[in-house]
Amino acid sequence: MKKLFLDRRGEVPVVILVIGVLAICALTIFSFYTSERAFKRGFSSVSIVDDAIVSVKRIELYREVGVSESDLEVLFGIESDELGRYILSEGEEVSVKFYLP
């Protein structure tokens, strides 16, 4: 029994292991904290993409009802370039150019 308490060779690796695990845990918590702050700023672009998709679905509905293409261009601000016709949705940090089918 007395020999168990006198053997100190095993304590140094255990202490180093514990310090390493604590350092990894601290780095992980710091990483989650910084990524959470970045995501809070980045979610505004999701609503812009969602608005563009809703506009495209509304355009498809108006086409089925029989609204003319020139009226659709005026209503939704449809623009054209060499790739085709598109809707431009803009936000603070991002703008979405959504091409129409």
N, C-alpha and C. Protein backbone atom coordinates (compact mmCIF):
# COMPACT_ATOMS: atom_id res chain seq x y z
N MET A 1 0.82 -1.19 0.00
CA MET A 1 0.00 0.00 0.00
C MET A 1 0.86 1.25 0.00
N LYS A 2 1.94 1.21 0.73
CA LYS A 2 2.82 2.37 0.80
C LYS A 2 3.52 2.61 -0.53
N LYS A 3 3.72 1.55 -1.31
CA LYS A 3 4.38 1.69 -2.61
C LYS A 3 3.53 2.48 -3.61
N LEU A 4 2.21 2.41 -3.52
CA LEU A 4 1.33 3.14 -4.42
C LEU A 4 1.53 4.64 -4.30
N PHE A 5 1.67 5.14 -3.12
CA PHE A 5 1.80 6.58 -2.91
C PHE A 5 3.20 7.10 -3.20
N LEU A 6 4.18 6.22 -3.23
CA LEU A 6 5.55 6.66 -3.45
C LEU A 6 5.92 6.68 -4.94
N ASP A 7 5.14 6.05 -5.79
CA ASP A 7 5.45 6.00 -7.22
C ASP A 7 4.93 7.26 -7.90
N ARG A 8 5.81 8.19 -8.24
CA ARG A 8 5.43 9.48 -8.82
C ARG A 8 5.76 9.57 -10.32
N ARG A 9 6.28 8.52 -10.90
CA ARG A 9 6.63 8.58 -12.32
C ARG A 9 5.39 8.70 -13.20
N GLY A 10 4.26 8.18 -12.79
CA GLY A 10 3.05 8.21 -13.59
C GLY A 10 2.29 9.51 -13.49
N GLU A 11 2.61 10.36 -12.54
CA GLU A 11 1.85 11.59 -12.35
C GLU A 11 2.17 12.64 -13.42
N VAL A 12 3.39 12.73 -13.89
CA VAL A 12 3.77 13.75 -14.86
C VAL A 12 3.02 13.57 -16.19
N PRO A 13 2.98 12.37 -16.76
CA PRO A 13 2.22 12.21 -18.01
C PRO A 13 0.72 12.49 -17.83
N VAL A 14 0.18 12.14 -16.69
CA VAL A 14 -1.24 12.38 -16.43
C VAL A 14 -1.51 13.88 -16.34
N VAL A 15 -0.64 14.62 -15.69
CA VAL A 15 -0.80 16.07 -15.58
C VAL A 15 -0.69 16.71 -16.97
N ILE A 16 0.25 16.26 -17.78
CA ILE A 16 0.38 16.79 -19.14
C ILE A 16 -0.86 16.47 -19.96
N LEU A 17 -1.39 15.28 -19.82
CA LEU A 17 -2.61 14.89 -20.53
C LEU A 17 -3.79 15.76 -20.11
N VAL A 18 -3.95 15.99 -18.83
CA VAL A 18 -5.06 16.81 -18.33
C VAL A 18 -4.93 18.25 -18.84
N ILE A 19 -3.72 18.80 -18.81
CA ILE A 19 -3.52 20.16 -19.31
C ILE A 19 -3.82 20.23 -20.81
N GLY A 20 -3.43 19.22 -21.56
CA GLY A 20 -3.73 19.19 -23.00
C GLY A 20 -5.21 19.12 -23.28
N VAL A 21 -5.92 18.29 -22.52
CA VAL A 21 -7.38 18.18 -22.71
C VAL A 21 -8.06 19.50 -22.37
N LEU A 22 -7.64 20.14 -21.30
CA LEU A 22 -8.22 21.44 -20.94
C LEU A 22 -7.93 22.50 -22.01
N ALA A 23 -6.74 22.47 -22.59
CA ALA A 23 -6.41 23.43 -23.65
C ALA A 23 -7.27 23.19 -24.89
N ILE A 24 -7.48 21.94 -25.25
CA ILE A 24 -8.33 21.62 -26.40
C ILE A 24 -9.77 22.06 -26.14
N CYS A 25 -10.26 21.84 -24.93
CA CYS A 25 -11.62 22.27 -24.58
C CYS A 25 -11.75 23.79 -24.66
N ALA A 26 -10.76 24.50 -24.18
CA ALA A 26 -10.79 25.97 -24.22
C ALA A 26 -10.77 26.46 -25.67
N LEU A 27 -9.95 25.86 -26.51
CA LEU A 27 -9.92 26.26 -27.92
C LEU A 27 -11.24 25.95 -28.63
N THR A 28 -11.86 24.85 -28.28
CA THR A 28 -13.15 24.49 -28.88
C THR A 28 -14.23 25.49 -28.49
N ILE A 29 -14.28 25.85 -27.22
CA ILE A 29 -15.27 26.83 -26.77
C ILE A 29 -15.03 28.17 -27.45
N PHE A 30 -13.79 28.59 -27.57
CA PHE A 30 -13.47 29.84 -28.26
C PHE A 30 -13.88 29.78 -29.73
N SER A 31 -13.67 28.65 -30.37
CA SER A 31 -14.04 28.48 -31.77
C SER A 31 -15.56 28.58 -31.95
N PHE A 32 -16.33 27.94 -31.09
CA PHE A 32 -17.79 28.03 -31.18
C PHE A 32 -18.27 29.45 -30.93
N TYR A 33 -17.64 30.14 -30.01
CA TYR A 33 -18.04 31.51 -29.71
C TYR A 33 -17.82 32.42 -30.91
N THR A 34 -16.66 32.32 -31.55
CA THR A 34 -16.38 33.19 -32.69
C THR A 34 -17.24 32.83 -33.90
N SER A 35 -17.51 31.55 -34.12
CA SER A 35 -18.35 31.18 -35.27
C SER A 35 -19.80 31.58 -35.04
N GLU A 36 -20.27 31.57 -33.81
CA GLU A 36 -21.63 32.01 -33.52
C GLU A 36 -21.80 33.49 -33.84
N ARG A 37 -20.81 34.29 -33.55
CA ARG A 37 -20.89 35.71 -33.86
C ARG A 37 -20.89 35.94 -35.37
N ALA A 38 -20.16 35.13 -36.11
CA ALA A 38 -20.13 35.27 -37.57
C ALA A 38 -21.46 34.86 -38.19
N PHE A 39 -22.11 33.84 -37.65
CA PHE A 39 -23.39 33.38 -38.19
C PHE A 39 -24.50 34.39 -37.94
N LYS A 40 -24.47 35.07 -36.83
CA LYS A 40 -25.51 36.05 -36.55
C LYS A 40 -25.48 37.16 -37.58
N ARG A 41 -24.32 37.53 -38.04
CA ARG A 41 -24.21 38.56 -39.06
C ARG A 41 -24.57 38.02 -40.43
N GLY A 42 -24.38 36.73 -40.69
CA GLY A 42 -24.53 36.17 -42.02
C GLY A 42 -25.92 35.72 -42.39
N PHE A 43 -26.87 35.73 -41.46
CA PHE A 43 -28.20 35.22 -41.77
C PHE A 43 -29.06 36.21 -42.52
N SER A 44 -28.64 37.44 -42.69
CA SER A 44 -29.44 38.40 -43.44
C SER A 44 -29.52 38.01 -44.91
N SER A 45 -28.52 37.33 -45.42
CA SER A 45 -28.52 36.94 -46.83
C SER A 45 -29.55 35.84 -47.12
N VAL A 46 -29.93 35.08 -46.11
CA VAL A 46 -30.93 34.02 -46.32
C VAL A 46 -32.27 34.63 -46.69
N SER A 47 -32.65 35.72 -46.04
CA SER A 47 -33.94 36.34 -46.36
C SER A 47 -33.94 36.95 -47.76
N ILE A 48 -32.80 37.41 -48.22
CA ILE A 48 -32.73 37.98 -49.57
C ILE A 48 -32.93 36.89 -50.62
N VAL A 49 -32.30 35.75 -50.43
CA VAL A 49 -32.49 34.62 -51.35
C VAL A 49 -33.93 34.14 -51.29
N ASP A 50 -34.50 34.10 -50.10
CA ASP A 50 -35.89 33.68 -49.95
C ASP A 50 -36.83 34.64 -50.68
N ASP A 51 -36.58 35.93 -50.59
CA ASP A 51 -37.40 36.91 -51.30
C ASP A 51 -37.31 36.73 -52.81
N ALA A 52 -36.13 36.42 -53.30
CA ALA A 52 -35.97 36.19 -54.75
C ALA A 52 -36.74 34.96 -55.19
N ILE A 53 -36.72 33.91 -54.41
CA ILE A 53 -37.46 32.69 -54.76
C ILE A 53 -38.96 32.94 -54.74
N VAL A 54 -39.43 33.70 -53.74
CA VAL A 54 -40.86 34.03 -53.68
C VAL A 54 -41.27 34.86 -54.89
N SER A 55 -40.42 35.80 -55.29
CA SER A 55 -40.73 36.61 -56.47
C SER A 55 -40.82 35.76 -57.72
N VAL A 56 -39.94 34.78 -57.88
CA VAL A 56 -39.99 33.90 -59.05
C VAL A 56 -41.28 33.08 -59.05
N LYS A 57 -41.69 32.60 -57.89
CA LYS A 57 -42.93 31.84 -57.81
C LYS A 57 -44.14 32.72 -58.13
N ARG A 58 -44.09 33.98 -57.68
CA ARG A 58 -45.18 34.90 -58.01
C ARG A 58 -45.22 35.18 -59.52
N ILE A 59 -44.05 35.30 -60.14
CA ILE A 59 -44.00 35.51 -61.59
C ILE A 59 -44.60 34.32 -62.31
N GLU A 60 -44.27 33.11 -61.87
CA GLU A 60 -44.84 31.92 -62.50
C GLU A 60 -46.36 31.88 -62.35
N LEU A 61 -46.86 32.29 -61.18
CA LEU A 61 -48.29 32.33 -60.96
C LEU A 61 -48.96 33.35 -61.88
N TYR A 62 -48.38 34.53 -62.00
CA TYR A 62 -48.94 35.55 -62.88
C TYR A 62 -48.90 35.12 -64.34
N ARG A 63 -47.88 34.37 -64.72
CA ARG A 63 -47.83 33.86 -66.10
C ARG A 63 -48.97 32.88 -66.35
N GLU A 64 -49.25 32.02 -65.37
CA GLU A 64 -50.35 31.06 -65.52
C GLU A 64 -51.70 31.76 -65.61
N VAL A 65 -51.84 32.87 -64.89
CA VAL A 65 -53.09 33.61 -64.91
C VAL A 65 -53.27 34.32 -66.25
N GLY A 66 -52.16 34.70 -66.88
CA GLY A 66 -52.24 35.33 -68.19
C GLY A 66 -51.75 36.76 -68.23
N VAL A 67 -50.97 37.19 -67.25
CA VAL A 67 -50.42 38.54 -67.26
C VAL A 67 -49.32 38.59 -68.32
N SER A 68 -49.27 39.68 -69.07
CA SER A 68 -48.30 39.79 -70.16
C SER A 68 -46.87 39.96 -69.61
N GLU A 69 -45.91 39.61 -70.45
CA GLU A 69 -44.49 39.68 -70.06
C GLU A 69 -44.04 41.12 -69.80
N SER A 70 -44.58 42.07 -70.56
CA SER A 70 -44.20 43.46 -70.34
C SER A 70 -44.71 43.97 -69.00
N ASP A 71 -45.90 43.54 -68.60
CA ASP A 71 -46.42 43.92 -67.28
C ASP A 71 -45.60 43.28 -66.17
N LEU A 72 -45.16 42.03 -66.37
CA LEU A 72 -44.33 41.36 -65.37
C LEU A 72 -43.00 42.08 -65.20
N GLU A 73 -42.43 42.55 -66.31
CA GLU A 73 -41.17 43.27 -66.22
C GLU A 73 -41.31 44.55 -65.40
N VAL A 74 -42.43 45.22 -65.55
CA VAL A 74 -42.67 46.45 -64.78
C VAL A 74 -42.94 46.13 -63.32
N LEU A 75 -43.77 45.12 -63.05
CA LEU A 75 -44.14 44.78 -61.68
C LEU A 75 -42.95 44.31 -60.84
N PHE A 76 -42.11 43.49 -61.42
CA PHE A 76 -41.04 42.86 -60.65
C PHE A 76 -39.65 43.42 -60.94
N GLY A 77 -39.54 44.36 -61.84
CA GLY A 77 -38.23 44.93 -62.15
C GLY A 77 -37.31 43.94 -62.82
N ILE A 78 -37.85 43.18 -63.77
CA ILE A 78 -37.05 42.17 -64.46
C ILE A 78 -36.09 42.86 -65.42
N GLU A 79 -34.83 42.47 -65.35
CA GLU A 79 -33.81 43.04 -66.22
C GLU A 79 -33.22 41.93 -67.09
N SER A 80 -32.48 42.32 -68.13
CA SER A 80 -31.89 41.35 -69.05
C SER A 80 -30.41 41.62 -69.22
N ASP A 81 -29.67 40.55 -69.48
CA ASP A 81 -28.28 40.66 -69.89
C ASP A 81 -28.00 39.55 -70.89
N GLU A 82 -26.72 39.31 -71.19
CA GLU A 82 -26.39 38.31 -72.22
C GLU A 82 -26.74 36.88 -71.80
N LEU A 83 -26.92 36.63 -70.50
CA LEU A 83 -27.26 35.28 -70.04
C LEU A 83 -28.76 35.03 -69.96
N GLY A 84 -29.55 36.10 -69.91
CA GLY A 84 -30.99 35.93 -69.85
C GLY A 84 -31.64 37.00 -68.99
N ARG A 85 -32.89 36.74 -68.63
CA ARG A 85 -33.64 37.68 -67.80
C ARG A 85 -33.49 37.30 -66.33
N TYR A 86 -33.44 38.31 -65.47
CA TYR A 86 -33.20 38.04 -64.05
C TYR A 86 -33.89 39.07 -63.17
N ILE A 87 -34.00 38.70 -61.90
CA ILE A 87 -34.49 39.59 -60.84
C ILE A 87 -33.29 39.88 -59.95
N LEU A 88 -33.13 41.12 -59.56
CA LEU A 88 -32.02 41.52 -58.70
C LEU A 88 -32.57 41.87 -57.33
N SER A 89 -32.18 41.09 -56.31
CA SER A 89 -32.55 41.38 -54.92
C SER A 89 -31.31 41.83 -54.19
N GLU A 90 -31.38 42.99 -53.56
CA GLU A 90 -30.20 43.54 -52.89
C GLU A 90 -30.46 43.70 -51.40
N GLY A 91 -29.40 43.45 -50.63
CA GLY A 91 -29.43 43.66 -49.19
C GLY A 91 -28.24 44.50 -48.78
N GLU A 92 -27.94 44.50 -47.49
CA GLU A 92 -26.83 45.29 -46.98
C GLU A 92 -25.48 44.75 -47.44
N GLU A 93 -25.32 43.43 -47.34
CA GLU A 93 -24.02 42.83 -47.62
C GLU A 93 -23.98 42.01 -48.90
N VAL A 94 -25.13 41.63 -49.42
CA VAL A 94 -25.14 40.72 -50.55
C VAL A 94 -26.25 41.12 -51.52
N SER A 95 -26.03 40.83 -52.79
CA SER A 95 -27.08 41.01 -53.78
C SER A 95 -27.21 39.70 -54.56
N VAL A 96 -28.44 39.35 -54.89
CA VAL A 96 -28.73 38.08 -55.55
C VAL A 96 -29.30 38.38 -56.92
N LYS A 97 -28.68 37.82 -57.94
CA LYS A 97 -29.19 37.92 -59.30
C LYS A 97 -29.78 36.56 -59.63
N PHE A 98 -31.12 36.48 -59.63
CA PHE A 98 -31.82 35.22 -59.81
C PHE A 98 -32.38 35.17 -61.22
N TYR A 99 -31.82 34.27 -62.03
CA TYR A 99 -32.25 34.17 -63.43
C TYR A 99 -33.58 33.43 -63.54
N LEU A 100 -34.41 33.93 -64.41
CA LEU A 100 -35.74 33.35 -64.62
C LEU A 100 -35.67 32.21 -65.63
N PRO A 101 -36.51 31.20 -65.44
CA PRO A 101 -36.53 30.08 -66.39
C PRO A 101 -37.15 30.47 -67.72
